[in-house]
Amino acid sequence: MEKKHKELWEKYWQGETTLEEEKALLSGLEDQVEDDNLRTFFSGVQSIRSEKPTDRLMPAAGFPFRKLAAALLFLLTVSACWWGYREYQYQQQAMAYQQVVEAMGKIQLNLRKGTSQLESMEKIKYLNSGANWYENNKNN
């Protein structure tokens, strides 16, 4: 019996006992213990076990300030995220517009270069026209 009792104590201190085993182990324990500190400890455990839960620990009924604060915080968070996303979209559109303007400027510059080269080609075209006229009239 003493060995089983020791095994129960080992299980108890490791937190592995069932409620029935704890009741059997702790019943009449206060009378068996010689040490006053242990006796006080086990009587405290017994008194805690015998207490029934009370409504004192429940929050007082009334206006739910915490729920209201949580809802407001949620709404502020959502609106801040929405505003931030809108600002992000605006910045992306502005950056895309700037890139398009730069690309159009480069296209315009290259078109001007091409047009100036074509003008010089137009001038050279007339220099060659005399030789063509000579070749065409030679055969007649």
N, C-alpha and C. Protein backbone atom coordinates (compact mmCIF):
# COMPACT_ATOMS: atom_id res chain seq x y z
N MET A 1 0.82 -1.18 0.00
CA MET A 1 0.00 0.00 0.00
C MET A 1 0.87 1.26 0.00
N GLU A 2 1.96 1.17 0.74
CA GLU A 2 2.86 2.33 0.83
C GLU A 2 3.50 2.61 -0.52
N LYS A 3 3.82 1.57 -1.29
CA LYS A 3 4.42 1.75 -2.61
C LYS A 3 3.43 2.41 -3.56
N LYS A 4 2.20 1.98 -3.51
CA LYS A 4 1.16 2.58 -4.36
C LYS A 4 0.95 4.03 -3.97
N HIS A 5 1.01 4.31 -2.69
CA HIS A 5 0.84 5.66 -2.19
C HIS A 5 1.98 6.56 -2.71
N LYS A 6 3.21 6.05 -2.71
CA LYS A 6 4.34 6.81 -3.22
C LYS A 6 4.22 7.04 -4.73
N GLU A 7 3.76 6.03 -5.44
CA GLU A 7 3.57 6.17 -6.88
C GLU A 7 2.52 7.24 -7.18
N LEU A 8 1.46 7.25 -6.37
CA LEU A 8 0.43 8.27 -6.55
C LEU A 8 1.00 9.67 -6.30
N TRP A 9 1.86 9.78 -5.29
CA TRP A 9 2.47 11.08 -5.02
C TRP A 9 3.36 11.53 -6.18
N GLU A 10 4.10 10.58 -6.73
CA GLU A 10 4.96 10.92 -7.88
C GLU A 10 4.11 11.41 -9.06
N LYS A 11 3.03 10.68 -9.31
CA LYS A 11 2.14 11.10 -10.39
C LYS A 11 1.52 12.47 -10.10
N TYR A 12 1.20 12.70 -8.81
CA TYR A 12 0.59 13.97 -8.42
C TYR A 12 1.55 15.13 -8.68
N TRP A 13 2.79 14.99 -8.27
CA TRP A 13 3.74 16.08 -8.43
C TRP A 13 4.15 16.27 -9.89
N GLN A 14 3.97 15.29 -10.72
CA GLN A 14 4.24 15.43 -12.15
C GLN A 14 3.00 15.90 -12.91
N GLY A 15 1.86 16.01 -12.22
CA GLY A 15 0.62 16.50 -12.85
C GLY A 15 -0.04 15.47 -13.72
N GLU A 16 0.08 14.19 -13.40
CA GLU A 16 -0.47 13.13 -14.23
C GLU A 16 -1.61 12.37 -13.56
N THR A 17 -2.08 12.82 -12.41
CA THR A 17 -3.14 12.09 -11.71
C THR A 17 -4.50 12.51 -12.22
N THR A 18 -5.47 11.60 -12.05
CA THR A 18 -6.85 11.92 -12.39
C THR A 18 -7.50 12.57 -11.17
N LEU A 19 -8.71 13.08 -11.35
CA LEU A 19 -9.41 13.71 -10.23
C LEU A 19 -9.71 12.72 -9.11
N GLU A 20 -10.08 11.50 -9.47
CA GLU A 20 -10.38 10.50 -8.45
C GLU A 20 -9.13 10.14 -7.64
N GLU A 21 -8.00 10.01 -8.35
CA GLU A 21 -6.75 9.70 -7.64
C GLU A 21 -6.35 10.84 -6.72
N GLU A 22 -6.55 12.07 -7.15
CA GLU A 22 -6.21 13.20 -6.30
C GLU A 22 -7.10 13.24 -5.07
N LYS A 23 -8.40 12.98 -5.26
CA LYS A 23 -9.30 12.97 -4.11
C LYS A 23 -8.89 11.90 -3.10
N ALA A 24 -8.55 10.73 -3.61
CA ALA A 24 -8.14 9.64 -2.73
C ALA A 24 -6.82 9.99 -2.03
N LEU A 25 -5.94 10.65 -2.73
CA LEU A 25 -4.64 10.99 -2.18
C LEU A 25 -4.74 12.09 -1.14
N LEU A 26 -5.57 13.07 -1.38
CA LEU A 26 -5.63 14.23 -0.52
C LEU A 26 -6.66 14.11 0.61
N SER A 27 -7.50 13.10 0.55
CA SER A 27 -8.50 12.96 1.60
C SER A 27 -7.83 12.56 2.91
N GLY A 28 -8.08 13.30 3.93
CA GLY A 28 -7.51 13.03 5.25
C GLY A 28 -6.03 13.27 5.33
N LEU A 29 -5.47 14.00 4.41
CA LEU A 29 -4.04 14.22 4.37
C LEU A 29 -3.58 15.16 5.47
N GLU A 30 -4.43 16.11 5.80
CA GLU A 30 -4.05 17.10 6.81
C GLU A 30 -3.72 16.43 8.15
N ASP A 31 -4.43 15.38 8.46
CA ASP A 31 -4.21 14.70 9.74
C ASP A 31 -2.94 13.84 9.72
N GLN A 32 -2.51 13.37 8.55
CA GLN A 32 -1.36 12.48 8.45
C GLN A 32 -0.03 13.23 8.43
N VAL A 33 -0.03 14.50 8.04
CA VAL A 33 1.22 15.25 7.88
C VAL A 33 1.62 15.87 9.20
N GLU A 34 2.92 15.71 9.56
CA GLU A 34 3.42 16.26 10.82
C GLU A 34 3.91 17.69 10.66
N ASP A 35 4.37 18.04 9.46
CA ASP A 35 4.93 19.37 9.22
C ASP A 35 3.79 20.39 9.11
N ASP A 36 3.90 21.49 9.86
CA ASP A 36 2.84 22.51 9.86
C ASP A 36 2.73 23.22 8.51
N ASN A 37 3.85 23.44 7.85
CA ASN A 37 3.81 24.10 6.55
C ASN A 37 3.07 23.26 5.52
N LEU A 38 3.37 21.96 5.47
CA LEU A 38 2.67 21.08 4.54
C LEU A 38 1.19 20.96 4.89
N ARG A 39 0.89 20.92 6.17
CA ARG A 39 -0.50 20.84 6.60
C ARG A 39 -1.26 22.09 6.14
N THR A 40 -0.64 23.24 6.29
CA THR A 40 -1.28 24.49 5.84
C THR A 40 -1.45 24.49 4.33
N PHE A 41 -0.43 24.00 3.62
CA PHE A 41 -0.51 23.94 2.17
C PHE A 41 -1.68 23.06 1.72
N PHE A 42 -1.77 21.86 2.27
CA PHE A 42 -2.82 20.94 1.83
C PHE A 42 -4.20 21.38 2.28
N SER A 43 -4.30 22.07 3.39
CA SER A 43 -5.61 22.59 3.78
C SER A 43 -6.02 23.71 2.83
N GLY A 44 -5.04 24.50 2.35
CA GLY A 44 -5.34 25.53 1.36
C GLY A 44 -5.80 24.92 0.04
N VAL A 45 -5.14 23.83 -0.36
CA VAL A 45 -5.54 23.14 -1.59
C VAL A 45 -6.97 22.64 -1.46
N GLN A 46 -7.29 22.06 -0.31
CA GLN A 46 -8.65 21.55 -0.09
C GLN A 46 -9.67 22.67 -0.13
N SER A 47 -9.35 23.81 0.48
CA SER A 47 -10.32 24.90 0.50
C SER A 47 -10.50 25.48 -0.91
N ILE A 48 -9.44 25.53 -1.69
CA ILE A 48 -9.57 26.01 -3.07
C ILE A 48 -10.41 25.05 -3.89
N ARG A 49 -10.22 23.75 -3.67
CA ARG A 49 -11.00 22.76 -4.41
C ARG A 49 -12.48 22.81 -4.05
N SER A 50 -12.77 23.19 -2.83
CA SER A 50 -14.17 23.19 -2.41
C SER A 50 -14.92 24.46 -2.83
N GLU A 51 -14.19 25.49 -3.26
CA GLU A 51 -14.85 26.73 -3.67
C GLU A 51 -15.60 26.53 -4.97
N LYS A 52 -16.72 27.21 -5.06
CA LYS A 52 -17.51 27.21 -6.29
C LYS A 52 -17.19 28.51 -7.03
N PRO A 53 -17.22 28.46 -8.34
CA PRO A 53 -16.97 29.69 -9.10
C PRO A 53 -18.08 30.71 -8.83
N THR A 54 -17.70 31.96 -8.75
CA THR A 54 -18.67 33.01 -8.49
C THR A 54 -18.72 33.96 -9.68
N ASP A 55 -19.70 34.80 -9.68
CA ASP A 55 -19.86 35.78 -10.75
C ASP A 55 -19.03 37.03 -10.51
N ARG A 56 -18.30 37.07 -9.41
CA ARG A 56 -17.49 38.25 -9.12
C ARG A 56 -16.40 38.46 -10.18
N LEU A 57 -15.93 37.39 -10.79
CA LEU A 57 -14.86 37.51 -11.76
C LEU A 57 -15.35 38.00 -13.12
N MET A 58 -16.64 37.94 -13.33
CA MET A 58 -17.20 38.38 -14.59
C MET A 58 -17.22 39.91 -14.64
N PRO A 59 -17.00 40.50 -15.79
CA PRO A 59 -17.04 41.95 -15.88
C PRO A 59 -18.46 42.47 -15.65
N ALA A 60 -18.50 43.67 -15.15
CA ALA A 60 -19.80 44.27 -14.85
C ALA A 60 -20.55 44.55 -16.14
N ALA A 61 -21.85 44.29 -16.11
CA ALA A 61 -22.68 44.55 -17.28
C ALA A 61 -22.86 46.05 -17.43
N GLY A 62 -22.85 46.52 -18.61
CA GLY A 62 -23.00 47.94 -18.87
C GLY A 62 -22.64 48.21 -20.31
N PHE A 63 -22.28 49.44 -20.57
CA PHE A 63 -21.93 49.82 -21.93
C PHE A 63 -20.62 49.13 -22.33
N PRO A 64 -20.60 48.46 -23.46
CA PRO A 64 -19.40 47.70 -23.88
C PRO A 64 -18.34 48.62 -24.49
N PHE A 65 -17.59 49.30 -23.62
CA PHE A 65 -16.58 50.23 -24.11
C PHE A 65 -15.47 49.52 -24.88
N ARG A 66 -15.11 48.35 -24.44
CA ARG A 66 -14.03 47.61 -25.12
C ARG A 66 -14.44 47.21 -26.53
N LYS A 67 -15.68 46.76 -26.66
CA LYS A 67 -16.15 46.38 -28.00
C LYS A 67 -16.21 47.59 -28.91
N LEU A 68 -16.68 48.71 -28.36
CA LEU A 68 -16.74 49.94 -29.14
C LEU A 68 -15.34 50.39 -29.54
N ALA A 69 -14.41 50.33 -28.62
CA ALA A 69 -13.04 50.73 -28.92
C ALA A 69 -12.43 49.79 -29.97
N ALA A 70 -12.71 48.51 -29.87
CA ALA A 70 -12.19 47.55 -30.85
C ALA A 70 -12.78 47.82 -32.23
N ALA A 71 -14.08 48.12 -32.28
CA ALA A 71 -14.73 48.41 -33.56
C ALA A 71 -14.16 49.69 -34.17
N LEU A 72 -13.96 50.71 -33.35
CA LEU A 72 -13.39 51.95 -33.86
C LEU A 72 -11.96 51.74 -34.35
N LEU A 73 -11.20 50.98 -33.61
CA LEU A 73 -9.83 50.69 -34.03
C LEU A 73 -9.82 49.92 -35.34
N PHE A 74 -10.73 48.99 -35.49
CA PHE A 74 -10.84 48.23 -36.73
C PHE A 74 -11.20 49.15 -37.89
N LEU A 75 -12.18 50.03 -37.69
CA LEU A 75 -12.58 50.96 -38.74
C LEU A 75 -11.44 51.91 -39.11
N LEU A 76 -10.72 52.40 -38.12
CA LEU A 76 -9.59 53.27 -38.40
C LEU A 76 -8.50 52.54 -39.19
N THR A 77 -8.26 51.30 -38.82
CA THR A 77 -7.25 50.52 -39.53
C THR A 77 -7.65 50.28 -40.98
N VAL A 78 -8.91 49.91 -41.19
CA VAL A 78 -9.39 49.66 -42.55
C VAL A 78 -9.33 50.94 -43.38
N SER A 79 -9.78 52.06 -42.79
CA SER A 79 -9.77 53.31 -43.55
C SER A 79 -8.34 53.77 -43.84
N ALA A 80 -7.42 53.58 -42.91
CA ALA A 80 -6.02 53.95 -43.15
C ALA A 80 -5.43 53.08 -44.26
N CYS A 81 -5.74 51.80 -44.26
CA CYS A 81 -5.25 50.92 -45.31
C CYS A 81 -5.84 51.32 -46.67
N TRP A 82 -7.12 51.64 -46.69
CA TRP A 82 -7.77 52.05 -47.93
C TRP A 82 -7.14 53.34 -48.45
N TRP A 83 -6.93 54.31 -47.56
CA TRP A 83 -6.32 55.57 -47.96
C TRP A 83 -4.90 55.35 -48.47
N GLY A 84 -4.15 54.51 -47.79
CA GLY A 84 -2.79 54.21 -48.21
C GLY A 84 -2.75 53.53 -49.57
N TYR A 85 -3.70 52.64 -49.82
CA TYR A 85 -3.74 51.95 -51.10
C TYR A 85 -4.10 52.93 -52.21
N ARG A 86 -5.03 53.84 -51.94
CA ARG A 86 -5.40 54.85 -52.93
C ARG A 86 -4.20 55.75 -53.24
N GLU A 87 -3.46 56.13 -52.24
CA GLU A 87 -2.27 56.96 -52.43
C GLU A 87 -1.22 56.19 -53.24
N TYR A 88 -1.08 54.91 -52.97
CA TYR A 88 -0.16 54.07 -53.73
C TYR A 88 -0.57 54.02 -55.20
N GLN A 89 -1.87 53.84 -55.46
CA GLN A 89 -2.35 53.82 -56.84
C GLN A 89 -2.07 55.14 -57.53
N TYR A 90 -2.30 56.25 -56.85
CA TYR A 90 -2.05 57.57 -57.42
C TYR A 90 -0.57 57.73 -57.78
N GLN A 91 0.31 57.29 -56.89
CA GLN A 91 1.74 57.38 -57.17
C GLN A 91 2.13 56.51 -58.36
N GLN A 92 1.54 55.33 -58.45
CA GLN A 92 1.83 54.45 -59.58
C GLN A 92 1.37 55.07 -60.90
N GLN A 93 0.19 55.70 -60.89
CA GLN A 93 -0.32 56.35 -62.10
C GLN A 93 0.57 57.53 -62.48
N ALA A 94 1.01 58.30 -61.49
CA ALA A 94 1.89 59.43 -61.78
C ALA A 94 3.21 58.96 -62.35
N MET A 95 3.75 57.88 -61.82
CA MET A 95 5.02 57.34 -62.32
C MET A 95 4.84 56.81 -63.75
N ALA A 96 3.72 56.14 -64.03
CA ALA A 96 3.46 55.63 -65.37
C ALA A 96 3.31 56.79 -66.35
N TYR A 97 2.61 57.85 -65.94
CA TYR A 97 2.45 59.02 -66.79
C TYR A 97 3.81 59.64 -67.10
N GLN A 98 4.65 59.74 -66.10
CA GLN A 98 5.99 60.32 -66.29
C GLN A 98 6.81 59.47 -67.27
N GLN A 99 6.70 58.16 -67.17
CA GLN A 99 7.43 57.28 -68.08
C GLN A 99 6.93 57.43 -69.52
N VAL A 100 5.61 57.59 -69.68
CA VAL A 100 5.04 57.77 -71.02
C VAL A 100 5.51 59.10 -71.60
N VAL A 101 5.54 60.16 -70.79
CA VAL A 101 6.00 61.46 -71.27
C VAL A 101 7.46 61.38 -71.71
N GLU A 102 8.30 60.70 -70.93
CA GLU A 102 9.70 60.54 -71.31
C GLU A 102 9.84 59.74 -72.60
N ALA A 103 9.04 58.69 -72.75
CA ALA A 103 9.10 57.87 -73.96
C ALA A 103 8.66 58.69 -75.17
N MET A 104 7.62 59.49 -75.03
CA MET A 104 7.16 60.33 -76.13
C MET A 104 8.22 61.37 -76.50
N GLY A 105 8.91 61.91 -75.50
CA GLY A 105 9.98 62.86 -75.78
C GLY A 105 11.10 62.22 -76.59
N LYS A 106 11.46 60.98 -76.24
CA LYS A 106 12.50 60.28 -76.99
C LYS A 106 12.04 59.98 -78.41
N ILE A 107 10.79 59.61 -78.57
CA ILE A 107 10.25 59.35 -79.91
C ILE A 107 10.29 60.62 -80.74
N GLN A 108 9.89 61.73 -80.15
CA GLN A 108 9.89 63.00 -80.86
C GLN A 108 11.31 63.39 -81.28
N LEU A 109 12.26 63.20 -80.39
CA LEU A 109 13.66 63.51 -80.71
C LEU A 109 14.15 62.66 -81.87
N ASN A 110 13.85 61.36 -81.84
CA ASN A 110 14.28 60.47 -82.92
C ASN A 110 13.57 60.79 -84.23
N LEU A 111 12.31 61.21 -84.17
CA LEU A 111 11.61 61.61 -85.39
C LEU A 111 12.25 62.85 -86.00
N ARG A 112 12.65 63.79 -85.16
CA ARG A 112 13.32 65.00 -85.67
C ARG A 112 14.65 64.63 -86.34
N LYS A 113 15.38 63.72 -85.72
CA LYS A 113 16.64 63.29 -86.32
C LYS A 113 16.38 62.65 -87.69
N GLY A 114 15.38 61.78 -87.76
CA GLY A 114 15.06 61.11 -89.01
C GLY A 114 14.59 62.08 -90.07
N THR A 115 13.81 63.08 -89.68
CA THR A 115 13.32 64.06 -90.63
C THR A 115 14.46 64.90 -91.17
N SER A 116 15.40 65.28 -90.34
CA SER A 116 16.54 66.07 -90.81
C SER A 116 17.40 65.26 -91.76
N GLN A 117 17.53 63.97 -91.54
CA GLN A 117 18.30 63.13 -92.45
C GLN A 117 17.56 62.98 -93.78
N LEU A 118 16.23 62.93 -93.74
CA LEU A 118 15.47 62.84 -94.98
C LEU A 118 15.58 64.13 -95.80
N GLU A 119 15.65 65.27 -95.12
CA GLU A 119 15.80 66.53 -95.85
C GLU A 119 17.12 66.57 -96.61
N SER A 120 18.17 66.08 -95.98
CA SER A 120 19.45 66.04 -96.69
C SER A 120 19.40 65.05 -97.84
N MET A 121 18.64 63.99 -97.71
CA MET A 121 18.49 63.02 -98.81
C MET A 121 17.71 63.62 -99.97
N GLU A 122 16.76 64.49 -99.66
CA GLU A 122 15.98 65.15 -100.72
C GLU A 122 16.91 66.02 -101.57
N LYS A 123 17.86 66.69 -100.91
CA LYS A 123 18.78 67.54 -101.65
C LYS A 123 19.69 66.69 -102.54
N ILE A 124 20.11 65.55 -102.07
CA ILE A 124 20.98 64.68 -102.86
C ILE A 124 20.21 64.05 -104.02
N LYS A 125 18.93 63.85 -103.87
CA LYS A 125 18.12 63.21 -104.91
C LYS A 125 18.16 64.04 -106.20
N TYR A 126 18.16 65.34 -106.10
CA TYR A 126 18.16 66.19 -107.28
C TYR A 126 19.51 66.16 -108.00
N LEU A 127 20.58 65.89 -107.29
CA LEU A 127 21.89 65.80 -107.93
C LEU A 127 21.95 64.60 -108.88
N ASN A 128 21.28 63.57 -108.57
CA ASN A 128 21.28 62.35 -109.37
C ASN A 128 20.30 62.44 -110.54
N SER A 129 19.39 63.39 -110.53
CA SER A 129 18.36 63.45 -111.57
C SER A 129 18.94 63.80 -112.94
N GLY A 130 20.02 64.53 -113.00
CA GLY A 130 20.64 64.87 -114.29
C GLY A 130 21.20 63.65 -114.98
N ALA A 131 21.78 62.76 -114.25
CA ALA A 131 22.35 61.55 -114.84
C ALA A 131 21.24 60.66 -115.36
N ASN A 132 20.14 60.59 -114.65
CA ASN A 132 19.01 59.79 -115.14
C ASN A 132 18.45 60.40 -116.43
N TRP A 133 18.39 61.70 -116.50
CA TRP A 133 17.85 62.35 -117.71
C TRP A 133 18.75 62.08 -118.88
N TYR A 134 20.05 62.13 -118.67
CA TYR A 134 21.03 61.87 -119.71
C TYR A 134 20.89 60.43 -120.21
N GLU A 135 20.71 59.47 -119.28
CA GLU A 135 20.57 58.06 -119.65
C GLU A 135 19.28 57.85 -120.43
N ASN A 136 18.24 58.55 -120.06
CA ASN A 136 16.95 58.39 -120.75
C ASN A 136 16.99 59.02 -122.14
N ASN A 137 17.66 60.11 -122.32
CA ASN A 137 17.70 60.81 -123.62
C ASN A 137 18.77 60.22 -124.54
N LYS A 138 19.69 59.54 -124.07
CA LYS A 138 20.77 58.96 -124.86
C LYS A 138 20.25 57.89 -125.80
N ASN A 139 19.30 57.14 -125.40
CA ASN A 139 18.76 56.04 -126.18
C ASN A 139 17.84 56.58 -127.28
N ASN A 140 17.35 57.75 -127.22
CA ASN A 140 16.42 58.31 -128.22
C ASN A 140 17.12 58.81 -129.38
